[in-house]
């Protein structure tokens, strides 16, 4: 659903129905934010777990009630878990982005009564908008990148954001590193072969999803300009 379709939905529905839809979307948006935070924490935990398991000084590991005597089992399983959780984060983040646009447009239509297309850009979120929408780290970071910002503030913001953008490629490099370990050490084992190709399949699907989503968004934005 692009912005034109959302605007049509807003104009064709009465206030009560629109507010009910807004409440449902708002709750789902808040739930998606919590899911992303939880999955991101899981991702960090399994990264630390992988480096602990890859230590040559450890022969076994106790995780809660489970005692893993063969530490190489984690080195073969974690790449699949990492790829799957990363895929979940990407898919949920995409849905969150679409849902955020809907919630914001309904919010503007109900409280401001003037939906300007430029207000749909995240950098135009004012204080009133941000406070009434579910908390999001990405939106909070973007509040410093406004048209009214000074040149010094914009330069400082760019310097701080660049390292964060580099982190987008870090999960792919880490997955490549883990698959390289499997290829060199465990590919002769059945679990190693299954983990290797299953991880690659998930990562390829993730890349396909990102490219397809980018093309879809480009086509929607191009259609709105016509």
N, C-alpha and C. Protein backbone atom coordinates (compact mmCIF):
# COMPACT_ATOMS: atom_id res chain seq x y z
N UNK A 1 0.86 -1.19 0.00
CA UNK A 1 0.00 0.00 0.00
C UNK A 1 0.89 1.25 0.00
N UNK A 2 0.83 2.05 -1.11
CA UNK A 2 1.64 3.26 -1.16
C UNK A 2 0.88 4.42 -0.52
N UNK A 3 1.51 5.60 -0.54
CA UNK A 3 0.94 6.73 0.18
C UNK A 3 -0.38 7.21 -0.43
N UNK A 4 -0.49 7.11 -1.75
CA UNK A 4 -1.75 7.52 -2.38
C UNK A 4 -2.90 6.62 -1.94
N UNK A 5 -2.62 5.32 -1.85
CA UNK A 5 -3.65 4.37 -1.41
C UNK A 5 -4.01 4.60 0.05
N UNK A 6 -3.02 4.96 0.87
CA UNK A 6 -3.29 5.24 2.28
C UNK A 6 -4.15 6.49 2.42
N UNK A 7 -3.81 7.53 1.65
CA UNK A 7 -4.60 8.77 1.68
C UNK A 7 -6.04 8.51 1.23
N UNK A 8 -6.21 7.67 0.22
CA UNK A 8 -7.55 7.31 -0.24
C UNK A 8 -8.31 6.58 0.85
N UNK A 9 -7.63 5.69 1.55
CA UNK A 9 -8.25 4.95 2.66
C UNK A 9 -8.69 5.92 3.76
N UNK A 10 -7.85 6.92 4.05
CA UNK A 10 -8.18 7.88 5.10
C UNK A 10 -9.40 8.70 4.73
N UNK A 11 -9.47 9.17 3.49
CA UNK A 11 -10.57 10.04 3.08
C UNK A 11 -11.89 9.28 2.93
N UNK A 12 -11.82 7.96 2.68
CA UNK A 12 -13.04 7.18 2.46
C UNK A 12 -13.61 6.56 3.74
N UNK A 13 -12.93 6.71 4.86
CA UNK A 13 -13.39 6.12 6.10
C UNK A 13 -13.74 7.19 7.12
N UNK A 14 -14.76 6.88 7.92
CA UNK A 14 -15.21 7.81 8.95
C UNK A 14 -14.22 7.84 10.11
N UNK A 15 -14.36 8.88 10.94
CA UNK A 15 -13.41 9.08 12.01
C UNK A 15 -13.34 7.92 13.00
N UNK A 16 -14.50 7.36 13.36
CA UNK A 16 -14.52 6.27 14.34
C UNK A 16 -13.77 5.05 13.82
N UNK A 17 -14.04 4.68 12.58
CA UNK A 17 -13.35 3.53 11.98
C UNK A 17 -11.86 3.83 11.84
N UNK A 18 -11.56 5.06 11.48
CA UNK A 18 -10.17 5.43 11.28
C UNK A 18 -9.39 5.39 12.59
N UNK A 19 -10.03 5.88 13.65
CA UNK A 19 -9.38 5.86 14.96
C UNK A 19 -9.19 4.44 15.47
N UNK A 20 -10.16 3.57 15.20
CA UNK A 20 -10.04 2.18 15.60
C UNK A 20 -8.89 1.50 14.86
N UNK A 21 -8.78 1.78 13.57
CA UNK A 21 -7.68 1.23 12.77
C UNK A 21 -6.34 1.79 13.24
N UNK A 22 -6.35 3.08 13.60
CA UNK A 22 -5.13 3.71 14.11
C UNK A 22 -4.66 3.05 15.40
N UNK A 23 -5.60 2.78 16.31
CA UNK A 23 -5.24 2.15 17.58
C UNK A 23 -4.64 0.76 17.36
N UNK A 24 -5.22 0.00 16.43
CA UNK A 24 -4.71 -1.34 16.16
C UNK A 24 -3.31 -1.27 15.53
N UNK A 25 -3.13 -0.36 14.60
CA UNK A 25 -1.83 -0.21 13.96
C UNK A 25 -0.78 0.28 14.95
N UNK A 26 -1.20 1.18 15.84
CA UNK A 26 -0.27 1.72 16.85
C UNK A 26 0.22 0.61 17.77
N UNK A 27 -0.69 -0.24 18.23
CA UNK A 27 -0.31 -1.35 19.11
C UNK A 27 0.61 -2.34 18.39
N UNK A 28 0.30 -2.60 17.13
CA UNK A 28 1.15 -3.51 16.37
C UNK A 28 2.52 -2.91 16.14
N UNK A 29 2.58 -1.60 15.89
CA UNK A 29 3.85 -0.92 15.69
C UNK A 29 4.70 -0.98 16.95
N UNK A 30 4.08 -0.79 18.09
CA UNK A 30 4.81 -0.89 19.36
C UNK A 30 5.30 -2.32 19.60
N UNK A 31 4.47 -3.30 19.21
CA UNK A 31 4.87 -4.70 19.34
C UNK A 31 6.05 -5.02 18.44
N UNK A 32 6.04 -4.48 17.22
CA UNK A 32 7.15 -4.72 16.29
C UNK A 32 8.45 -4.11 16.82
N UNK A 33 8.36 -2.93 17.44
CA UNK A 33 9.54 -2.32 18.03
C UNK A 33 10.14 -3.22 19.10
N UNK A 34 9.27 -3.79 19.93
CA UNK A 34 9.74 -4.69 20.99
C UNK A 34 10.35 -5.95 20.42
N UNK A 35 9.73 -6.49 19.36
CA UNK A 35 10.28 -7.69 18.73
C UNK A 35 11.67 -7.44 18.15
N UNK A 36 11.87 -6.28 17.52
CA UNK A 36 13.17 -5.96 16.94
C UNK A 36 14.21 -5.82 18.04
N UNK A 37 13.85 -5.17 19.14
CA UNK A 37 14.79 -5.03 20.26
C UNK A 37 15.16 -6.40 20.83
N UNK A 38 14.18 -7.27 20.96
CA UNK A 38 14.43 -8.60 21.52
C UNK A 38 15.32 -9.43 20.59
N UNK A 39 15.01 -9.41 19.29
CA UNK A 39 15.81 -10.17 18.33
C UNK A 39 17.23 -9.62 18.22
N UNK A 40 17.38 -8.31 18.32
CA UNK A 40 18.71 -7.71 18.28
C UNK A 40 19.54 -8.16 19.48
N UNK A 41 18.89 -8.26 20.63
CA UNK A 41 19.57 -8.76 21.83
C UNK A 41 19.99 -10.22 21.65
N UNK A 42 19.10 -11.03 21.06
CA UNK A 42 19.43 -12.43 20.79
C UNK A 42 20.64 -12.52 19.85
N UNK A 43 20.66 -11.64 18.87
CA UNK A 43 21.76 -11.65 17.90
C UNK A 43 23.09 -11.35 18.59
N UNK A 44 23.08 -10.38 19.48
CA UNK A 44 24.31 -10.04 20.21
C UNK A 44 24.75 -11.19 21.11
N UNK A 45 23.77 -11.84 21.75
CA UNK A 45 24.08 -12.94 22.66
C UNK A 45 24.74 -14.10 21.92
N UNK A 46 24.19 -14.47 20.76
CA UNK A 46 24.75 -15.62 20.05
C UNK A 46 26.11 -15.29 19.43
N UNK A 47 26.37 -14.00 19.16
CA UNK A 47 27.70 -13.61 18.69
C UNK A 47 28.73 -13.85 19.79
N UNK A 48 28.41 -13.41 21.01
CA UNK A 48 29.30 -13.65 22.14
C UNK A 48 29.44 -15.15 22.41
N UNK A 49 28.32 -15.86 22.27
CA UNK A 49 28.35 -17.30 22.50
C UNK A 49 29.26 -17.99 21.48
N UNK A 50 29.24 -17.50 20.25
CA UNK A 50 30.08 -18.09 19.21
C UNK A 50 31.57 -17.90 19.54
N UNK A 51 31.93 -16.69 19.95
CA UNK A 51 33.33 -16.44 20.26
C UNK A 51 33.78 -17.21 21.50
N UNK A 52 32.86 -17.41 22.45
CA UNK A 52 33.19 -18.24 23.61
C UNK A 52 33.41 -19.68 23.17
N UNK A 53 32.53 -20.16 22.29
CA UNK A 53 32.64 -21.55 21.82
C UNK A 53 33.87 -21.76 20.96
N UNK A 54 34.32 -20.73 20.26
CA UNK A 54 35.48 -20.88 19.38
C UNK A 54 36.80 -20.81 20.14
N UNK A 55 36.72 -20.55 21.43
CA UNK A 55 37.94 -20.51 22.24
C UNK A 55 38.51 -21.92 22.39
N UNK A 56 39.79 -22.06 22.16
CA UNK A 56 40.43 -23.38 22.23
C UNK A 56 40.59 -23.88 23.67
N UNK A 57 40.37 -22.98 24.64
CA UNK A 57 40.56 -23.37 26.04
C UNK A 57 39.30 -23.98 26.64
N UNK A 58 38.20 -24.00 25.88
CA UNK A 58 36.93 -24.51 26.40
C UNK A 58 36.60 -25.83 25.71
N UNK A 59 36.34 -26.84 26.51
CA UNK A 59 35.98 -28.15 25.96
C UNK A 59 34.50 -28.45 26.11
N UNK A 60 33.82 -27.76 27.04
CA UNK A 60 32.38 -27.95 27.24
C UNK A 60 31.78 -26.63 27.72
N UNK A 61 30.46 -26.53 27.61
CA UNK A 61 29.78 -25.29 27.97
C UNK A 61 28.44 -25.60 28.59
N UNK A 62 28.14 -24.94 29.71
CA UNK A 62 26.86 -25.11 30.41
C UNK A 62 25.97 -23.93 30.06
N UNK A 63 24.83 -24.21 29.40
CA UNK A 63 23.85 -23.18 29.07
C UNK A 63 22.54 -23.54 29.76
N UNK A 64 22.30 -22.93 30.91
CA UNK A 64 21.11 -23.28 31.69
C UNK A 64 21.19 -24.72 32.14
N UNK A 65 20.12 -25.49 31.91
CA UNK A 65 20.15 -26.90 32.30
C UNK A 65 20.90 -27.80 31.32
N UNK A 66 21.24 -27.24 30.14
CA UNK A 66 21.89 -28.05 29.11
C UNK A 66 23.41 -27.97 29.23
N UNK A 67 24.03 -29.12 29.15
CA UNK A 67 25.49 -29.19 29.17
C UNK A 67 25.98 -29.69 27.81
N UNK A 68 26.68 -28.82 27.09
CA UNK A 68 27.18 -29.16 25.75
C UNK A 68 28.62 -29.62 25.87
N UNK A 69 28.81 -30.92 25.70
CA UNK A 69 30.16 -31.48 25.83
C UNK A 69 30.97 -31.30 24.55
N UNK A 70 30.31 -31.32 23.38
CA UNK A 70 30.99 -31.11 22.11
C UNK A 70 30.79 -29.66 21.69
N UNK A 71 31.77 -28.82 21.98
CA UNK A 71 31.64 -27.39 21.74
C UNK A 71 31.53 -27.06 20.26
N UNK A 72 32.03 -27.95 19.40
CA UNK A 72 31.96 -27.69 17.95
C UNK A 72 30.52 -27.70 17.45
N UNK A 73 29.61 -28.27 18.24
CA UNK A 73 28.20 -28.29 17.85
C UNK A 73 27.67 -26.87 17.72
N UNK A 74 28.09 -25.99 18.63
CA UNK A 74 27.65 -24.59 18.56
C UNK A 74 28.22 -23.89 17.33
N UNK A 75 29.46 -24.22 17.00
CA UNK A 75 30.08 -23.58 15.83
C UNK A 75 29.39 -23.97 14.53
N UNK A 76 28.71 -25.10 14.54
CA UNK A 76 28.00 -25.56 13.34
C UNK A 76 26.54 -25.10 13.32
N UNK A 77 25.95 -24.85 14.49
CA UNK A 77 24.54 -24.48 14.56
C UNK A 77 24.34 -22.97 14.54
N UNK A 78 25.23 -22.23 15.20
CA UNK A 78 25.05 -20.78 15.34
C UNK A 78 24.95 -20.05 13.99
N UNK A 79 25.71 -20.42 12.94
CA UNK A 79 25.54 -19.71 11.66
C UNK A 79 24.10 -19.74 11.14
N UNK A 80 23.42 -20.86 11.31
CA UNK A 80 22.02 -20.95 10.88
C UNK A 80 21.14 -20.07 11.74
N UNK A 81 21.33 -20.11 13.06
CA UNK A 81 20.54 -19.29 13.97
C UNK A 81 20.76 -17.81 13.69
N UNK A 82 22.02 -17.44 13.47
CA UNK A 82 22.35 -16.05 13.20
C UNK A 82 21.66 -15.56 11.92
N UNK A 83 21.75 -16.36 10.86
CA UNK A 83 21.14 -15.98 9.58
C UNK A 83 19.62 -15.88 9.71
N UNK A 84 19.02 -16.81 10.45
CA UNK A 84 17.56 -16.81 10.59
C UNK A 84 17.08 -15.61 11.40
N UNK A 85 17.77 -15.29 12.50
CA UNK A 85 17.38 -14.13 13.31
C UNK A 85 17.59 -12.84 12.52
N UNK A 86 18.68 -12.77 11.75
CA UNK A 86 18.93 -11.60 10.92
C UNK A 86 17.82 -11.42 9.88
N UNK A 87 17.38 -12.51 9.30
CA UNK A 87 16.28 -12.45 8.33
C UNK A 87 15.01 -11.95 9.01
N UNK A 88 14.73 -12.43 10.22
CA UNK A 88 13.55 -11.97 10.96
C UNK A 88 13.61 -10.47 11.22
N UNK A 89 14.78 -9.98 11.62
CA UNK A 89 14.93 -8.55 11.90
C UNK A 89 14.66 -7.72 10.65
N UNK A 90 15.19 -8.16 9.51
CA UNK A 90 15.02 -7.42 8.26
C UNK A 90 13.55 -7.40 7.84
N UNK A 91 12.88 -8.56 7.92
CA UNK A 91 11.48 -8.63 7.51
C UNK A 91 10.60 -7.80 8.43
N UNK A 92 10.81 -7.91 9.73
CA UNK A 92 10.01 -7.14 10.69
C UNK A 92 10.28 -5.65 10.54
N UNK A 93 11.53 -5.28 10.29
CA UNK A 93 11.87 -3.87 10.10
C UNK A 93 11.18 -3.30 8.87
N UNK A 94 11.08 -4.10 7.82
CA UNK A 94 10.38 -3.66 6.61
C UNK A 94 8.90 -3.43 6.88
N UNK A 95 8.29 -4.38 7.60
CA UNK A 95 6.88 -4.22 7.94
C UNK A 95 6.69 -3.03 8.88
N UNK A 96 7.64 -2.84 9.78
CA UNK A 96 7.56 -1.70 10.71
C UNK A 96 7.58 -0.38 9.95
N UNK A 97 8.44 -0.31 8.91
CA UNK A 97 8.53 0.92 8.12
C UNK A 97 7.20 1.24 7.43
N UNK A 98 6.58 0.22 6.84
CA UNK A 98 5.29 0.42 6.18
C UNK A 98 4.21 0.81 7.19
N UNK A 99 4.22 0.13 8.34
CA UNK A 99 3.22 0.41 9.36
C UNK A 99 3.41 1.80 9.96
N UNK A 100 4.66 2.20 10.11
CA UNK A 100 4.94 3.53 10.65
C UNK A 100 4.38 4.62 9.75
N UNK A 101 4.51 4.43 8.43
CA UNK A 101 3.97 5.41 7.48
C UNK A 101 2.46 5.52 7.61
N UNK A 102 1.78 4.37 7.74
CA UNK A 102 0.32 4.38 7.89
C UNK A 102 -0.09 5.08 9.18
N UNK A 103 0.56 4.72 10.28
CA UNK A 103 0.22 5.32 11.57
C UNK A 103 0.45 6.82 11.55
N UNK A 104 1.56 7.22 10.96
CA UNK A 104 1.88 8.65 10.92
C UNK A 104 0.88 9.43 10.07
N UNK A 105 0.47 8.86 8.93
CA UNK A 105 -0.48 9.56 8.06
C UNK A 105 -1.84 9.69 8.73
N UNK A 106 -2.29 8.62 9.40
CA UNK A 106 -3.57 8.69 10.10
C UNK A 106 -3.49 9.68 11.25
N UNK A 107 -2.36 9.68 11.93
CA UNK A 107 -2.14 10.63 13.03
C UNK A 107 -2.24 12.07 12.53
N UNK A 108 -1.55 12.37 11.44
CA UNK A 108 -1.57 13.71 10.88
C UNK A 108 -2.97 14.10 10.41
N UNK A 109 -3.67 13.15 9.81
CA UNK A 109 -5.02 13.43 9.31
C UNK A 109 -5.99 13.72 10.45
N UNK A 110 -5.81 13.04 11.59
CA UNK A 110 -6.73 13.21 12.71
C UNK A 110 -6.43 14.43 13.56
N UNK A 111 -5.15 14.71 13.75
CA UNK A 111 -4.78 15.76 14.70
C UNK A 111 -4.33 17.06 14.04
N UNK A 112 -3.79 16.97 12.83
CA UNK A 112 -3.31 18.17 12.16
C UNK A 112 -4.25 18.56 11.02
N UNK A 113 -4.93 17.58 10.45
CA UNK A 113 -5.88 17.79 9.35
C UNK A 113 -5.22 18.32 8.09
N UNK A 114 -3.92 18.13 7.97
CA UNK A 114 -3.21 18.56 6.77
C UNK A 114 -2.06 17.60 6.52
N UNK A 115 -2.27 16.69 5.59
CA UNK A 115 -1.25 15.69 5.29
C UNK A 115 -0.43 16.17 4.11
N UNK A 116 0.70 16.76 4.39
CA UNK A 116 1.62 17.22 3.35
C UNK A 116 2.58 16.08 3.01
N UNK A 117 2.78 15.77 1.74
CA UNK A 117 3.68 14.66 1.38
C UNK A 117 5.06 14.76 2.00
N UNK A 118 5.58 15.99 2.16
CA UNK A 118 6.93 16.12 2.73
C UNK A 118 6.97 15.73 4.20
N UNK A 119 5.80 15.74 4.87
CA UNK A 119 5.76 15.33 6.27
C UNK A 119 5.94 13.84 6.44
N UNK A 120 5.84 13.10 5.34
CA UNK A 120 5.99 11.65 5.42
C UNK A 120 7.45 11.24 5.57
N UNK A 121 8.36 12.13 5.22
CA UNK A 121 9.78 11.82 5.38
C UNK A 121 10.14 11.82 6.85
N UNK A 122 10.94 10.83 7.26
CA UNK A 122 11.25 10.69 8.68
C UNK A 122 11.97 11.90 9.27
N UNK A 123 12.75 12.61 8.44
CA UNK A 123 13.49 13.74 8.99
C UNK A 123 12.59 14.92 9.32
N UNK A 124 11.30 14.83 8.93
CA UNK A 124 10.37 15.92 9.23
C UNK A 124 9.50 15.60 10.45
N UNK A 125 9.87 14.62 11.22
CA UNK A 125 9.11 14.32 12.43
C UNK A 125 9.40 15.38 13.48
N UNK A 126 8.37 16.17 13.82
CA UNK A 126 8.56 17.17 14.85
C UNK A 126 8.38 16.55 16.23
N UNK A 127 8.57 17.36 17.28
CA UNK A 127 8.49 16.86 18.65
C UNK A 127 7.11 16.28 18.93
N UNK A 128 6.06 16.98 18.48
CA UNK A 128 4.69 16.54 18.73
C UNK A 128 4.43 15.16 18.11
N UNK A 129 4.92 14.99 16.90
CA UNK A 129 4.73 13.71 16.21
C UNK A 129 5.50 12.60 16.90
N UNK A 130 6.76 12.85 17.23
CA UNK A 130 7.60 11.82 17.83
C UNK A 130 7.08 11.37 19.19
N UNK A 131 6.54 12.30 19.98
CA UNK A 131 6.08 11.96 21.32
C UNK A 131 4.81 11.11 21.30
N UNK A 132 3.99 11.25 20.26
CA UNK A 132 2.74 10.51 20.20
C UNK A 132 2.84 9.20 19.43
N UNK A 133 3.99 8.98 18.80
CA UNK A 133 4.21 7.72 18.09
C UNK A 133 5.10 6.82 18.94
N UNK A 134 5.02 5.50 18.75
CA UNK A 134 5.85 4.58 19.55
C UNK A 134 7.33 4.92 19.43
N UNK A 135 8.05 4.73 20.53
CA UNK A 135 9.47 5.05 20.56
C UNK A 135 10.24 4.19 19.57
N UNK A 136 11.16 4.81 18.87
CA UNK A 136 12.02 4.10 17.93
C UNK A 136 13.39 4.77 17.94
N UNK A 137 14.46 3.96 18.09
CA UNK A 137 15.80 4.52 18.10
C UNK A 137 16.12 5.22 16.79
N UNK A 138 15.70 4.63 15.68
CA UNK A 138 16.01 5.21 14.37
C UNK A 138 15.39 6.59 14.22
N UNK A 139 14.14 6.75 14.68
CA UNK A 139 13.48 8.05 14.59
C UNK A 139 14.14 9.06 15.49
N UNK A 140 14.55 8.63 16.68
CA UNK A 140 15.22 9.53 17.61
C UNK A 140 16.55 10.02 17.05
N UNK A 141 17.28 9.13 16.38
CA UNK A 141 18.55 9.53 15.79
C UNK A 141 18.33 10.52 14.64
N UNK A 142 17.25 10.32 13.89
CA UNK A 142 16.99 11.16 12.73
C UNK A 142 16.52 12.56 13.11
N UNK A 143 16.11 12.76 14.36
CA UNK A 143 15.60 14.08 14.75
C UNK A 143 16.70 15.14 14.70
N UNK A 144 17.98 14.70 14.75
CA UNK A 144 19.07 15.65 14.65
C UNK A 144 19.37 16.05 13.22
N UNK A 145 18.76 15.33 12.26
CA UNK A 145 19.02 15.60 10.84
C UNK A 145 17.82 16.34 10.25
N UNK A 146 17.64 17.58 10.62
CA UNK A 146 16.49 18.36 10.16
C UNK A 146 16.98 19.49 9.27
N UNK A 147 16.04 20.10 8.56
CA UNK A 147 16.41 21.18 7.66
C UNK A 147 16.87 22.42 8.43
N UNK A 148 16.47 22.56 9.67
CA UNK A 148 16.82 23.72 10.47
C UNK A 148 18.16 23.55 11.19
N UNK A 149 18.78 22.40 11.05
CA UNK A 149 20.05 22.16 11.71
C UNK A 149 21.14 23.03 11.09
N UNK A 150 22.09 23.44 11.93
CA UNK A 150 23.22 24.22 11.44
C UNK A 150 24.17 23.32 10.65
N UNK A 151 25.04 23.94 9.88
CA UNK A 151 26.00 23.16 9.10
C UNK A 151 26.93 22.37 10.00
N UNK A 152 27.31 22.97 11.14
CA UNK A 152 28.19 22.27 12.08
C UNK A 152 27.49 21.05 12.66
N UNK A 153 26.22 21.23 13.02
CA UNK A 153 25.46 20.11 13.59
C UNK A 153 25.27 19.01 12.57
N UNK A 154 25.04 19.38 11.31
CA UNK A 154 24.86 18.38 10.25
C UNK A 154 26.16 17.60 10.01
N UNK A 155 27.29 18.30 10.04
CA UNK A 155 28.58 17.63 9.83
C UNK A 155 28.90 16.68 10.96
N UNK A 156 28.64 17.13 12.19
CA UNK A 156 28.88 16.26 13.34
C UNK A 156 27.97 15.04 13.30
N UNK A 157 26.70 15.27 12.89
CA UNK A 157 25.76 14.15 12.78
C UNK A 157 26.21 13.14 11.73
N UNK A 158 26.73 13.64 10.61
CA UNK A 158 27.20 12.74 9.55
C UNK A 158 28.40 11.92 10.01
N UNK A 159 29.31 12.56 10.76
CA UNK A 159 30.48 11.84 11.26
C UNK A 159 30.09 10.74 12.24
N UNK A 160 29.03 10.98 13.00
CA UNK A 160 28.57 9.98 13.97
C UNK A 160 27.77 8.87 13.31
N UNK A 161 27.09 9.20 12.22
CA UNK A 161 26.22 8.22 11.56
C UNK A 161 27.03 7.27 10.68
N UNK A 162 28.11 7.74 10.09
CA UNK A 162 28.89 6.91 9.18
C UNK A 162 29.36 5.60 9.81
N UNK A 163 29.91 5.62 11.04
CA UNK A 163 30.26 4.32 11.66
C UNK A 163 29.06 3.42 11.87
N UNK A 164 27.89 4.01 12.15
CA UNK A 164 26.69 3.19 12.33
C UNK A 164 26.29 2.53 11.02
N UNK A 165 26.45 3.26 9.90
CA UNK A 165 26.12 2.69 8.60
C UNK A 165 27.03 1.52 8.26
N UNK A 166 28.29 1.60 8.69
CA UNK A 166 29.22 0.50 8.43
C UNK A 166 28.79 -0.77 9.16
N UNK A 167 28.04 -0.60 10.26
CA UNK A 167 27.57 -1.77 11.01
C UNK A 167 26.55 -2.58 10.22
N UNK A 168 25.94 -1.98 9.19
CA UNK A 168 24.97 -2.70 8.37
C UNK A 168 25.63 -3.88 7.64
N UNK A 169 26.91 -3.74 7.32
CA UNK A 169 27.62 -4.79 6.60
C UNK A 169 28.28 -5.79 7.55
N UNK A 170 28.36 -5.44 8.83
CA UNK A 170 29.03 -6.31 9.79
C UNK A 170 28.36 -7.67 9.94
N UNK A 171 27.02 -7.77 10.00
CA UNK A 171 26.40 -9.09 10.10
C UNK A 171 26.73 -10.00 8.92
N UNK A 172 26.81 -9.44 7.71
CA UNK A 172 27.14 -10.24 6.53
C UNK A 172 28.58 -10.75 6.60
N UNK A 173 29.47 -9.89 7.08
CA UNK A 173 30.85 -10.31 7.22
C UNK A 173 30.97 -11.40 8.28
N UNK A 174 30.24 -11.25 9.40
CA UNK A 174 30.31 -12.24 10.46
C UNK A 174 29.76 -13.58 9.99
N UNK A 175 28.70 -13.55 9.21
CA UNK A 175 28.15 -14.79 8.66
C UNK A 175 29.17 -15.44 7.72
N UNK A 176 29.82 -14.63 6.90
CA UNK A 176 30.86 -15.15 6.01
C UNK A 176 32.00 -15.78 6.81
N UNK A 177 32.37 -15.15 7.91
CA UNK A 177 33.44 -15.68 8.76
C UNK A 177 33.06 -17.04 9.34
N UNK A 178 31.83 -17.18 9.82
CA UNK A 178 31.39 -18.43 10.41
C UNK A 178 31.30 -19.54 9.36
N UNK A 179 30.82 -19.20 8.17
CA UNK A 179 30.75 -20.19 7.10
C UNK A 179 32.14 -20.62 6.64
N UNK A 180 33.09 -19.71 6.68
CA UNK A 180 34.47 -20.06 6.33
C UNK A 180 35.04 -21.06 7.34
N UNK A 181 34.68 -20.88 8.62
CA UNK A 181 35.13 -21.82 9.65
C UNK A 181 34.54 -23.21 9.40
N UNK A 182 33.26 -23.25 9.06
CA UNK A 182 32.62 -24.53 8.76
C UNK A 182 33.27 -25.18 7.55
N UNK A 183 33.52 -24.40 6.52
CA UNK A 183 34.12 -24.94 5.28
C UNK A 183 35.50 -25.52 5.54
N UNK A 184 36.26 -24.86 6.37
CA UNK A 184 37.63 -25.30 6.62
C UNK A 184 37.72 -26.45 7.63
N UNK A 185 36.78 -26.53 8.57
CA UNK A 185 36.93 -27.46 9.68
C UNK A 185 35.84 -28.54 9.78
N UNK A 186 34.61 -28.23 9.30
CA UNK A 186 33.51 -29.16 9.58
C UNK A 186 32.71 -29.56 8.34
N UNK A 187 33.18 -29.17 7.15
CA UNK A 187 32.39 -29.46 5.96
C UNK A 187 32.35 -30.96 5.64
N UNK A 188 33.28 -31.71 6.18
CA UNK A 188 33.26 -33.15 5.95
C UNK A 188 32.23 -33.87 6.78
N UNK A 189 31.57 -33.18 7.71
CA UNK A 189 30.55 -33.77 8.56
C UNK A 189 29.16 -33.42 8.03
N UNK A 190 28.19 -34.29 8.30
CA UNK A 190 26.83 -34.07 7.79
C UNK A 190 26.24 -32.78 8.32
N UNK A 191 26.35 -32.55 9.63
CA UNK A 191 25.80 -31.33 10.22
C UNK A 191 26.49 -30.09 9.65
N UNK A 192 27.78 -30.20 9.40
CA UNK A 192 28.50 -29.08 8.82
C UNK A 192 28.01 -28.74 7.43
N UNK A 193 27.76 -29.76 6.60
CA UNK A 193 27.25 -29.54 5.24
C UNK A 193 25.86 -28.91 5.28
N UNK A 194 24.99 -29.47 6.14
CA UNK A 194 23.61 -28.96 6.24
C UNK A 194 23.63 -27.51 6.72
N UNK A 195 24.42 -27.22 7.75
CA UNK A 195 24.49 -25.87 8.29
C UNK A 195 25.04 -24.89 7.26
N UNK A 196 26.05 -25.31 6.51
CA UNK A 196 26.68 -24.44 5.52
C UNK A 196 25.67 -24.01 4.45
N UNK A 197 25.00 -24.97 3.84
CA UNK A 197 24.10 -24.65 2.74
C UNK A 197 22.78 -24.04 3.20
N UNK A 198 22.33 -24.42 4.38
CA UNK A 198 21.11 -23.81 4.91
C UNK A 198 21.35 -22.34 5.25
N UNK A 199 22.52 -22.04 5.79
CA UNK A 199 22.86 -20.65 6.09
C UNK A 199 22.96 -19.82 4.82
N UNK A 200 23.60 -20.39 3.78
CA UNK A 200 23.70 -19.68 2.51
C UNK A 200 22.32 -19.43 1.90
N UNK A 201 21.45 -20.43 1.99
CA UNK A 201 20.09 -20.28 1.44
C UNK A 201 19.34 -19.15 2.15
N UNK A 202 19.45 -19.09 3.47
CA UNK A 202 18.77 -18.04 4.23
C UNK A 202 19.35 -16.67 3.87
N UNK A 203 20.66 -16.57 3.76
CA UNK A 203 21.28 -15.29 3.45
C UNK A 203 20.96 -14.84 2.03
N UNK A 204 20.89 -15.77 1.09
CA UNK A 204 20.50 -15.43 -0.27
C UNK A 204 19.06 -14.93 -0.32
N UNK A 205 18.20 -15.59 0.45
CA UNK A 205 16.81 -15.13 0.51
C UNK A 205 16.73 -13.75 1.14
N UNK A 206 17.56 -13.49 2.15
CA UNK A 206 17.59 -12.17 2.79
C UNK A 206 18.01 -11.09 1.79
N UNK A 207 19.05 -11.38 1.02
CA UNK A 207 19.51 -10.42 0.01
C UNK A 207 18.44 -10.20 -1.06
N UNK A 208 17.81 -11.29 -1.49
CA UNK A 208 16.71 -11.18 -2.46
C UNK A 208 15.58 -10.33 -1.92
N UNK A 209 15.26 -10.52 -0.65
CA UNK A 209 14.18 -9.75 -0.02
C UNK A 209 14.54 -8.26 0.02
N UNK A 210 15.79 -7.95 0.37
CA UNK A 210 16.22 -6.56 0.43
C UNK A 210 16.15 -5.89 -0.94
N UNK A 211 16.63 -6.61 -1.97
CA UNK A 211 16.62 -6.05 -3.32
C UNK A 211 15.18 -5.87 -3.82
N UNK A 212 14.34 -6.88 -3.61
CA UNK A 212 12.95 -6.80 -4.05
C UNK A 212 12.21 -5.67 -3.35
N UNK A 213 12.47 -5.53 -2.06
CA UNK A 213 11.82 -4.47 -1.28
C UNK A 213 12.27 -3.09 -1.75
N UNK A 214 13.57 -2.96 -2.07
CA UNK A 214 14.09 -1.69 -2.56
C UNK A 214 13.47 -1.32 -3.91
N UNK A 215 13.34 -2.31 -4.80
CA UNK A 215 12.73 -2.08 -6.11
C UNK A 215 11.26 -1.69 -5.95
N UNK A 216 10.57 -2.39 -5.05
CA UNK A 216 9.15 -2.11 -4.82
C UNK A 216 8.96 -0.68 -4.29
N UNK A 217 9.81 -0.26 -3.34
CA UNK A 217 9.72 1.09 -2.79
C UNK A 217 10.04 2.14 -3.85
N UNK A 218 11.01 1.84 -4.70
CA UNK A 218 11.36 2.77 -5.78
C UNK A 218 10.20 2.94 -6.75
N UNK A 219 9.55 1.84 -7.09
CA UNK A 219 8.42 1.91 -8.01
C UNK A 219 7.25 2.67 -7.40
N UNK A 220 7.01 2.47 -6.10
CA UNK A 220 5.94 3.20 -5.42
C UNK A 220 6.22 4.68 -5.38
N UNK A 221 7.46 5.05 -5.05
CA UNK A 221 7.83 6.47 -5.00
C UNK A 221 7.74 7.11 -6.39
N UNK A 222 8.13 6.34 -7.41
CA UNK A 222 8.06 6.86 -8.77
C UNK A 222 6.62 7.06 -9.20
N UNK A 223 5.74 6.13 -8.78
CA UNK A 223 4.32 6.24 -9.12
C UNK A 223 3.67 7.44 -8.45
N UNK A 224 4.14 7.79 -7.25
CA UNK A 224 3.57 8.93 -6.53
C UNK A 224 3.93 10.25 -7.19
N UNK A 225 5.06 10.26 -7.93
CA UNK A 225 5.48 11.49 -8.57
C UNK A 225 4.76 11.75 -9.88
N UNK A 226 4.11 10.70 -10.41
CA UNK A 226 3.40 10.84 -11.69
C UNK A 226 2.06 11.52 -11.50
